Protein backbone atom coordinates (compact mmCIF):
# COMPACT_ATOMS: atom_id res chain seq x y z
CA MET A 1 0.05 0.10 -0.02
CA SER A 2 3.05 2.27 -0.45
CA ILE A 3 1.47 3.66 -3.94
CA VAL A 4 -1.75 5.74 -3.81
CA THR A 5 -4.11 4.45 -6.35
CA MET A 6 -7.53 5.68 -7.45
CA PHE A 7 -10.48 3.59 -8.74
CA GLN A 8 -13.60 5.22 -10.42
CA THR A 9 -16.50 3.87 -12.72
CA THR A 10 -19.97 4.54 -13.70
CA PRO A 11 -22.19 5.10 -10.67
CA ARG A 12 -25.17 3.28 -11.71
CA MET A 13 -25.46 0.12 -14.33
CA LEU A 14 -28.55 -1.89 -15.34
CA MET A 15 -28.03 -5.20 -16.84
CA GLY A 16 -30.25 -8.04 -17.86
CA VAL A 17 -32.35 -9.15 -20.85
CA GLY A 18 -35.08 -6.24 -21.54
CA SER A 19 -33.28 -3.72 -19.42
CA LEU A 20 -33.54 -1.27 -22.21
CA ASN A 21 -37.33 -0.95 -21.39
CA GLN A 22 -36.08 0.85 -18.30
CA LEU A 23 -34.47 3.64 -20.27
CA GLY A 24 -37.22 6.07 -19.58
CA GLU A 25 -37.33 5.58 -15.78
CA GLU A 26 -33.64 6.04 -15.93
CA ALA A 27 -33.62 9.27 -17.78
CA LYS A 28 -36.37 10.49 -15.58
CA ARG A 29 -34.01 10.30 -12.60
CA LEU A 30 -31.82 12.80 -14.29
CA GLY A 31 -34.31 15.57 -14.59
CA GLY A 32 -35.18 17.61 -17.81
CA SER A 33 -37.75 16.99 -20.56
CA LYS A 34 -35.70 16.91 -23.78
CA VAL A 35 -33.37 13.92 -24.74
CA MET A 36 -30.94 13.62 -27.78
CA ILE A 37 -30.16 9.99 -28.73
CA VAL A 38 -26.78 9.68 -30.63
CA THR A 39 -26.53 6.47 -32.79
CA ASP A 40 -25.71 5.33 -36.28
CA ARG A 41 -28.21 4.77 -39.27
CA GLY A 42 -27.83 0.96 -39.21
CA LEU A 43 -29.27 0.89 -35.64
CA MET A 44 -31.97 3.25 -36.77
CA LYS A 45 -33.07 0.78 -39.73
CA ALA A 46 -32.71 -2.14 -37.22
CA GLY A 47 -35.43 -0.84 -34.91
CA ILE A 48 -33.36 -0.76 -31.79
CA VAL A 49 -33.59 3.00 -31.53
CA ASP A 50 -37.39 2.66 -31.80
CA ARG A 51 -37.70 0.81 -28.62
CA ALA A 52 -35.54 3.35 -27.00
CA ILE A 53 -37.73 6.29 -28.32
CA GLN A 54 -40.98 4.51 -27.09
CA SER A 55 -39.50 4.04 -23.45
CA LEU A 56 -38.31 7.55 -23.26
CA GLU A 57 -41.74 9.10 -24.86
CA SER A 58 -43.76 6.84 -22.53
CA ALA A 59 -41.64 8.63 -19.45
CA GLY A 60 -42.88 11.99 -20.93
CA PHE A 61 -39.80 13.04 -22.96
CA THR A 62 -39.42 14.85 -26.29
CA VAL A 63 -36.61 12.76 -28.16
CA LEU A 64 -34.53 13.93 -30.81
CA CYS A 65 -32.21 11.88 -32.81
CA PHE A 66 -28.74 12.41 -34.24
CA ASP A 67 -27.79 9.38 -36.55
CA ASP A 68 -24.80 10.45 -38.31
CA VAL A 69 -22.33 8.52 -36.43
CA GLU A 70 -19.62 6.80 -38.41
CA ALA A 71 -17.16 4.10 -37.77
CA ASP A 72 -13.84 5.42 -36.00
CA PRO A 73 -15.69 8.79 -36.10
CA ARG A 74 -13.76 12.18 -36.80
CA TYR A 75 -13.95 14.71 -34.19
CA GLU A 76 -16.07 16.87 -36.54
CA ILE A 77 -18.87 14.51 -36.01
CA ALA A 78 -18.95 15.21 -32.07
CA ILE A 79 -18.99 19.03 -33.08
CA ARG A 80 -22.07 18.64 -35.24
CA ALA A 81 -23.72 16.59 -32.67
CA ALA A 82 -23.07 19.15 -29.90
CA ASP A 83 -24.15 22.01 -32.22
CA ALA A 84 -27.32 20.06 -32.63
CA ALA A 85 -27.65 19.51 -28.80
CA ARG A 86 -27.28 23.18 -28.11
CA ARG A 87 -29.53 24.50 -30.77
CA ASP A 88 -32.60 22.42 -29.66
CA HIS A 89 -31.82 22.88 -25.89
CA VAL A 90 -31.09 19.35 -25.29
CA GLU A 91 -30.94 18.35 -21.38
CA ILE A 92 -29.96 14.69 -21.43
CA MET A 93 -27.77 12.69 -23.86
CA VAL A 94 -28.58 9.21 -24.68
CA GLY A 95 -25.62 7.07 -26.72
CA ILE A 96 -27.00 3.76 -28.33
CA GLY A 97 -24.60 1.60 -30.23
CA GLY A 98 -21.08 0.30 -30.43
CA GLY A 99 -17.99 2.43 -29.32
CA SER A 100 -18.32 5.01 -32.01
CA SER A 101 -21.75 6.07 -30.98
CA LEU A 102 -20.98 6.14 -27.25
CA ASP A 103 -17.86 8.30 -27.75
CA ILE A 104 -19.55 10.71 -29.91
CA ALA A 105 -22.33 11.08 -27.12
CA LYS A 106 -19.66 11.53 -24.58
CA VAL A 107 -17.73 14.23 -26.30
CA ALA A 108 -20.85 16.00 -27.55
CA SER A 109 -22.12 16.07 -24.03
CA ILE A 110 -18.73 18.00 -22.70
CA LEU A 111 -18.89 20.17 -25.94
CA ALA A 112 -22.50 21.21 -25.29
CA THR A 113 -21.45 22.89 -21.91
CA ASN A 114 -18.00 23.88 -22.49
CA GLU A 115 -16.30 26.57 -24.72
CA GLY A 116 -13.36 26.13 -26.69
CA PRO A 117 -12.39 23.90 -29.57
CA VAL A 118 -12.55 20.08 -29.24
CA SER A 119 -8.64 20.05 -29.60
CA SER A 120 -8.23 21.82 -26.47
CA TYR A 121 -9.60 18.58 -24.56
CA PHE A 122 -7.40 16.11 -26.05
CA GLY A 123 -5.20 14.76 -23.16
CA ILE A 124 -6.03 14.00 -19.48
CA ASP A 125 -8.15 16.07 -17.39
CA LEU A 126 -8.56 19.11 -19.53
CA VAL A 127 -12.39 19.40 -19.57
CA PRO A 128 -13.10 22.36 -17.22
CA ARG A 129 -16.91 21.55 -16.57
CA ARG A 130 -19.43 18.70 -16.56
CA GLY A 131 -21.17 17.89 -19.72
CA LEU A 132 -24.93 16.93 -20.29
CA PRO A 133 -26.04 14.10 -18.23
CA MET A 134 -25.70 10.78 -20.14
CA VAL A 135 -27.22 7.27 -20.27
CA LEU A 136 -25.17 5.10 -22.57
CA VAL A 137 -26.57 1.88 -24.02
CA PRO A 138 -23.95 -0.65 -25.56
CA THR A 139 -25.07 -2.63 -28.53
CA THR A 140 -21.78 -4.57 -28.85
CA ALA A 141 -19.68 -6.56 -26.41
CA GLY A 142 -16.57 -4.70 -27.27
CA THR A 143 -15.29 -1.24 -26.15
CA GLY A 144 -16.52 -1.01 -22.63
CA SER A 145 -17.15 2.76 -23.31
CA GLU A 146 -20.13 2.94 -21.00
CA VAL A 147 -17.83 2.52 -18.12
CA THR A 148 -14.73 4.52 -19.05
CA PRO A 149 -13.94 8.17 -18.96
CA ILE A 150 -12.19 7.97 -22.37
CA ALA A 151 -13.20 8.83 -25.75
CA ILE A 152 -11.23 8.18 -28.94
CA LEU A 153 -11.79 10.17 -32.01
CA SER A 154 -9.95 10.39 -35.45
CA ASP A 155 -8.20 13.35 -36.48
CA GLU A 156 -7.84 12.90 -40.08
CA HIS A 157 -5.42 15.87 -40.64
CA GLU A 158 -2.64 14.36 -38.48
CA LYS A 159 -3.69 10.78 -39.45
CA LEU A 160 -3.95 9.92 -35.59
CA LYS A 161 -6.69 8.82 -33.29
CA LYS A 162 -6.53 10.98 -30.29
CA GLY A 163 -8.15 10.49 -26.71
CA ILE A 164 -9.87 12.73 -24.15
CA VAL A 165 -9.76 11.33 -20.73
CA SER A 166 -11.90 13.09 -18.10
CA GLN A 167 -14.17 12.05 -15.38
CA TYR A 168 -16.71 14.12 -16.90
CA LEU A 169 -16.99 11.38 -19.78
CA PHE A 170 -18.61 8.85 -17.39
CA PRO A 171 -22.26 8.54 -18.10
CA ALA A 172 -24.73 8.70 -15.17
CA VAL A 173 -26.32 5.43 -16.10
CA ALA A 174 -25.15 2.58 -18.22
CA ILE A 175 -27.93 -0.05 -19.54
CA LEU A 176 -26.76 -3.35 -20.80
CA ASP A 177 -29.33 -5.49 -22.53
CA PRO A 178 -27.84 -8.51 -23.94
CA GLN A 179 -30.62 -8.87 -26.40
CA LEU A 180 -29.20 -5.80 -28.18
CA THR A 181 -26.16 -7.78 -29.21
CA VAL A 182 -28.05 -10.91 -30.74
CA GLY A 183 -28.37 -9.19 -34.29
CA LEU A 184 -24.53 -8.56 -34.56
CA PRO A 185 -23.07 -10.35 -37.67
CA PRO A 186 -20.13 -12.74 -37.04
CA ALA A 187 -17.37 -10.57 -38.13
CA VAL A 188 -18.63 -7.77 -35.90
CA THR A 189 -18.83 -10.17 -32.94
CA ALA A 190 -15.37 -11.23 -33.47
CA ALA A 191 -13.78 -7.89 -33.76
CA THR A 192 -15.66 -6.30 -30.73
CA GLY A 193 -15.18 -9.41 -28.68
CA MET A 194 -11.47 -9.39 -29.31
CA ASP A 195 -11.26 -5.82 -28.56
CA ALA A 196 -12.91 -6.50 -25.20
CA LEU A 197 -10.32 -9.59 -24.43
CA ILE A 198 -7.55 -7.15 -25.25
CA HIS A 199 -8.82 -4.60 -22.93
CA ALA A 200 -8.65 -7.10 -20.15
CA VAL A 201 -5.08 -8.62 -21.31
CA GLU A 202 -3.63 -5.11 -21.31
CA ALA A 203 -5.34 -3.89 -18.03
CA TYR A 204 -3.91 -6.99 -16.43
CA THR A 205 -0.25 -6.49 -17.89
CA SER A 206 -0.29 -2.79 -17.29
CA LYS A 207 2.23 -1.30 -15.06
CA ASN A 208 -0.67 0.65 -13.38
CA ALA A 209 -2.66 -2.56 -12.65
CA THR A 210 -3.77 -3.15 -8.95
CA TRP A 211 -5.28 -5.85 -7.13
CA LEU A 212 -8.72 -4.56 -7.66
CA THR A 213 -8.17 -4.27 -11.75
CA ASP A 214 -6.67 -7.52 -11.52
CA MET A 215 -9.56 -9.15 -10.09
CA LEU A 216 -11.83 -7.64 -12.65
CA ALA A 217 -9.39 -8.18 -15.72
CA ARG A 218 -8.90 -12.04 -14.74
CA GLU A 219 -12.78 -12.62 -14.57
CA ALA A 220 -13.08 -10.76 -17.87
CA MET A 221 -10.67 -12.75 -19.70
CA SER A 222 -11.94 -16.30 -18.33
CA LEU A 223 -15.79 -15.11 -19.55
CA ILE A 224 -14.61 -13.96 -22.84
CA ALA A 225 -12.29 -16.86 -23.40
CA LYS A 226 -15.07 -19.30 -22.79
CA ASN A 227 -17.80 -17.79 -24.71
CA ILE A 228 -16.54 -15.75 -27.64
CA ARG A 229 -16.59 -18.91 -30.04
CA SER A 230 -19.96 -19.64 -29.14
CA ALA A 231 -21.14 -16.04 -29.80
CA PHE A 232 -19.19 -16.05 -32.99
CA THR A 233 -20.68 -19.23 -34.31
CA ASN A 234 -24.13 -19.20 -32.85
CA GLY A 235 -25.23 -15.48 -32.71
CA THR A 236 -28.49 -16.28 -31.03
CA ASP A 237 -26.91 -17.99 -28.04
CA LEU A 238 -28.32 -15.62 -25.47
CA ASP A 239 -26.34 -16.96 -22.50
CA ALA A 240 -22.94 -16.40 -24.55
CA ARG A 241 -24.02 -13.16 -25.74
CA SER A 242 -24.86 -12.33 -21.88
CA LYS A 243 -21.41 -13.37 -20.77
CA MET A 244 -19.64 -11.48 -23.29
CA LEU A 245 -21.47 -8.54 -22.49
CA GLU A 246 -20.54 -9.18 -18.58
CA GLY A 247 -16.79 -9.58 -19.63
CA SER A 248 -16.80 -6.52 -21.81
CA LEU A 249 -18.02 -4.55 -18.88
CA LEU A 250 -15.51 -5.94 -16.41
CA ALA A 251 -12.76 -5.44 -18.99
CA GLY A 252 -13.95 -1.73 -19.57
CA ILE A 253 -13.59 -1.06 -15.91
CA ALA A 254 -10.53 -2.65 -15.64
CA PHE A 255 -8.57 -0.69 -18.37
CA ALA A 256 -10.41 2.44 -17.30
CA ASN A 257 -8.38 2.42 -14.05
CA ALA A 258 -5.21 0.37 -15.08
CA GLY A 259 -5.02 1.79 -18.62
CA VAL A 260 -4.38 -0.07 -21.81
CA THR A 261 -0.71 -0.68 -23.39
CA ALA A 262 1.17 -0.84 -26.58
CA VAL A 263 -1.50 -2.92 -28.57
CA HIS A 264 -3.82 0.06 -28.70
CA ALA A 265 -0.76 2.38 -29.42
CA PHE A 266 -0.14 0.18 -32.55
CA ALA A 267 -3.79 0.07 -33.50
CA TYR A 268 -4.16 3.85 -33.49
CA PRO A 269 -2.06 4.88 -36.49
CA ILE A 270 -3.23 2.07 -38.89
CA GLY A 271 -6.83 2.67 -38.00
CA ALA A 272 -6.58 6.25 -38.59
CA GLU A 273 -4.63 6.28 -41.89
CA PHE A 274 -5.85 2.99 -43.23
CA HIS A 275 -9.28 2.82 -41.76
CA ILE A 276 -9.00 -0.40 -40.27
CA PRO A 277 -11.83 -1.16 -37.75
CA HIS A 278 -10.62 -0.66 -34.37
CA GLY A 279 -11.26 -4.25 -33.13
CA VAL A 280 -9.49 -5.79 -36.10
CA ALA A 281 -6.59 -3.47 -35.66
CA ASN A 282 -6.07 -4.37 -32.02
CA SER A 283 -6.50 -7.83 -33.02
CA MET A 284 -4.03 -8.07 -35.79
CA MET A 285 -1.39 -6.21 -33.46
CA LEU A 286 -2.06 -8.50 -30.26
CA VAL A 287 0.13 -11.43 -30.96
CA PRO A 288 3.56 -9.50 -31.93
CA VAL A 289 3.09 -6.99 -28.98
CA MET A 290 2.38 -10.00 -26.69
CA GLU A 291 5.49 -11.64 -27.73
CA PHE A 292 7.43 -8.45 -27.26
CA ASN A 293 5.98 -7.53 -23.91
CA MET A 294 5.96 -11.20 -22.51
CA LEU A 295 9.39 -10.75 -20.94
CA GLY A 296 8.37 -7.63 -19.09
CA ASN A 297 6.13 -9.70 -16.79
CA MET A 298 6.31 -13.40 -17.47
CA THR A 299 4.37 -14.27 -14.06
CA LYS A 300 1.26 -12.65 -15.33
CA PHE A 301 1.57 -13.86 -18.86
CA ALA A 302 1.78 -17.58 -17.46
CA ARG A 303 -1.23 -16.75 -15.39
CA MET A 304 -3.14 -15.65 -18.57
CA ALA A 305 -2.75 -19.13 -19.99
CA GLU A 306 -4.52 -20.85 -17.16
CA LEU A 307 -7.27 -18.02 -17.32
CA PHE A 308 -7.59 -19.00 -21.18
CA GLY A 309 -8.22 -22.77 -20.22
CA GLU A 310 -4.68 -23.82 -21.34
CA ASN A 311 -3.15 -26.76 -19.62
CA THR A 312 0.01 -25.54 -18.12
CA SER A 313 0.63 -28.31 -15.75
CA GLY A 314 4.33 -29.26 -15.45
CA LEU A 315 5.35 -26.16 -17.63
CA SER A 316 7.93 -23.42 -16.88
CA GLU A 317 6.75 -19.87 -16.44
CA ARG A 318 8.31 -19.02 -19.74
CA ASP A 319 6.51 -21.93 -21.61
CA SER A 320 3.33 -21.03 -19.90
CA SER A 321 3.63 -17.51 -20.98
CA ILE A 322 4.20 -18.78 -24.77
CA LYS A 323 1.11 -20.77 -24.21
CA SER A 324 -0.98 -17.48 -23.67
CA VAL A 325 0.35 -16.18 -26.83
CA GLU A 326 -0.20 -19.21 -28.80
CA PHE A 327 -4.06 -19.18 -27.40
CA LEU A 328 -4.61 -15.70 -28.83
CA LYS A 329 -3.08 -16.54 -32.02
CA SER A 330 -5.27 -19.74 -32.32
CA LEU A 331 -8.51 -17.65 -31.34
CA SER A 332 -7.80 -14.91 -33.86
CA GLY A 333 -7.62 -17.66 -36.65
CA ASP A 334 -10.80 -19.26 -35.40
CA LEU A 335 -12.69 -15.93 -35.56
CA ASN A 336 -11.56 -15.27 -38.88
CA ILE A 337 -9.45 -12.00 -38.02
CA PRO A 338 -7.43 -10.76 -40.94
CA SER A 339 -3.77 -11.45 -40.16
CA GLN A 340 -1.74 -9.27 -42.48
CA LEU A 341 -1.65 -5.52 -42.95
CA ARG A 342 -1.19 -5.80 -46.63
CA GLU A 343 -4.78 -6.80 -46.93
CA PHE A 344 -5.61 -3.18 -46.07
CA GLY A 345 -3.09 -1.54 -48.29
CA VAL A 346 -0.12 -1.08 -45.76
CA GLN A 347 3.20 -1.44 -47.41
CA ASP A 348 6.73 -1.70 -46.05
CA LYS A 349 7.28 2.13 -47.05
CA ASP A 350 4.55 3.09 -44.63
CA VAL A 351 6.12 1.35 -41.64
CA PRO A 352 8.61 4.24 -40.52
CA GLY A 353 5.66 6.88 -40.32
CA LEU A 354 3.45 4.51 -38.64
CA ALA A 355 5.91 3.67 -36.16
CA ARG A 356 6.63 7.32 -35.32
CA GLY A 357 2.84 7.49 -34.90
CA VAL A 358 3.06 4.74 -32.17
CA MET A 359 5.89 6.73 -30.38
CA LYS A 360 3.48 9.63 -30.06
CA VAL A 361 1.16 7.69 -27.97
CA THR A 362 2.77 8.16 -24.87
CA ARG A 363 -0.29 8.16 -22.60
CA LEU A 364 -0.44 4.36 -23.54
CA LEU A 365 3.28 3.57 -23.77
CA ALA A 366 3.77 4.60 -20.28
CA ASN A 367 1.64 1.66 -19.16
CA ASN A 368 3.44 -0.90 -21.19
CA PRO A 369 5.28 -3.66 -19.26
CA ARG A 370 8.36 -3.47 -21.42
CA GLU A 371 10.08 -0.45 -22.64
CA LEU A 372 9.63 0.27 -26.49
CA THR A 373 11.87 1.99 -29.00
CA LEU A 374 11.11 3.31 -32.57
CA LYS A 375 13.10 0.39 -33.95
CA ASP A 376 11.17 -2.06 -31.85
CA ALA A 377 7.78 -0.55 -33.18
CA GLU A 378 9.07 -0.90 -36.83
CA GLU A 379 9.82 -4.52 -36.30
CA ILE A 380 6.69 -5.26 -34.61
CA TYR A 381 4.61 -3.66 -37.82
CA ARG A 382 6.85 -5.74 -40.08
CA LYS A 383 5.82 -8.94 -38.40
CA VAL A 384 2.43 -8.56 -39.53
CA LEU A 385 2.84 -7.13 -42.98
């Protein structure tokens, strides 16, 4: 107990089949009469947002919808959402969707109440005042954004993804209804599920991990490792979907406090420049970064193999650590995750610039269990070309 640590998370969470129906009552607790739903057009067409609108209108709210969210959204989308919220005097923000929709809702909520350009908030604890109260409803078992004080936006001018970290990005309420994830296509289930697993892995191996984040990360890894293949191959398996959502939630709480590490640092440049979906980018970089990081904390890497269900009886700590990496490589293959950056147009000539982009993500590299150099970054990218 010689080091002072802090733990924070979303103060109120509802979870269970049909919990979306309580959205109106939860919003009523926050006061106000006008709500803006932030989502994407795919979810609007799927009818999920209609259920949310019905719950809110039944509780007496006037409901507006902003459905211009895109994958890996540019920061300009958040500005447009905030402008709409201010123009229509919105009092509560509801984000429904994957990480992109939730992050746009979070950033729009603070832009609606704070002056200044969004660029002034990139970094840690730079947001002066609380934003509009929020309710976040994830439709993927992936980002864990509903329980993190973090939002990631794309800056196309610098070809980077940038983060805003602030206590004001926690929602007032998170609603996790596993029914909303049942319709996810297998490829989305795979990418988002791997993203959640990587959150748990990186939180567990982060330099800032604590006994509390370790407990959450271990349970998240166990839940996701046991259920992700079932959710991928049988999308209507509600039990597997529920356990994946639980795992994503726990992983989100863990990494919100312990931080993620170099896997995300490598994913940001390729996601921003080559538009590789976030979960896919993370998954592609996972194994080479794990191989590099393994020496930084072999005890935890060995423990992960057990959490993944691997038989480590009689193995040395080093061989058990290798088992954890082999499991993740096999899992990515089973889930049909792309394995080569060339599939997305990345060439060897792009590597130096991408590696320089990695080294700019100092917020995450500071958590990494092993120090990383520019040369290391280039070698790691080349392993997945």
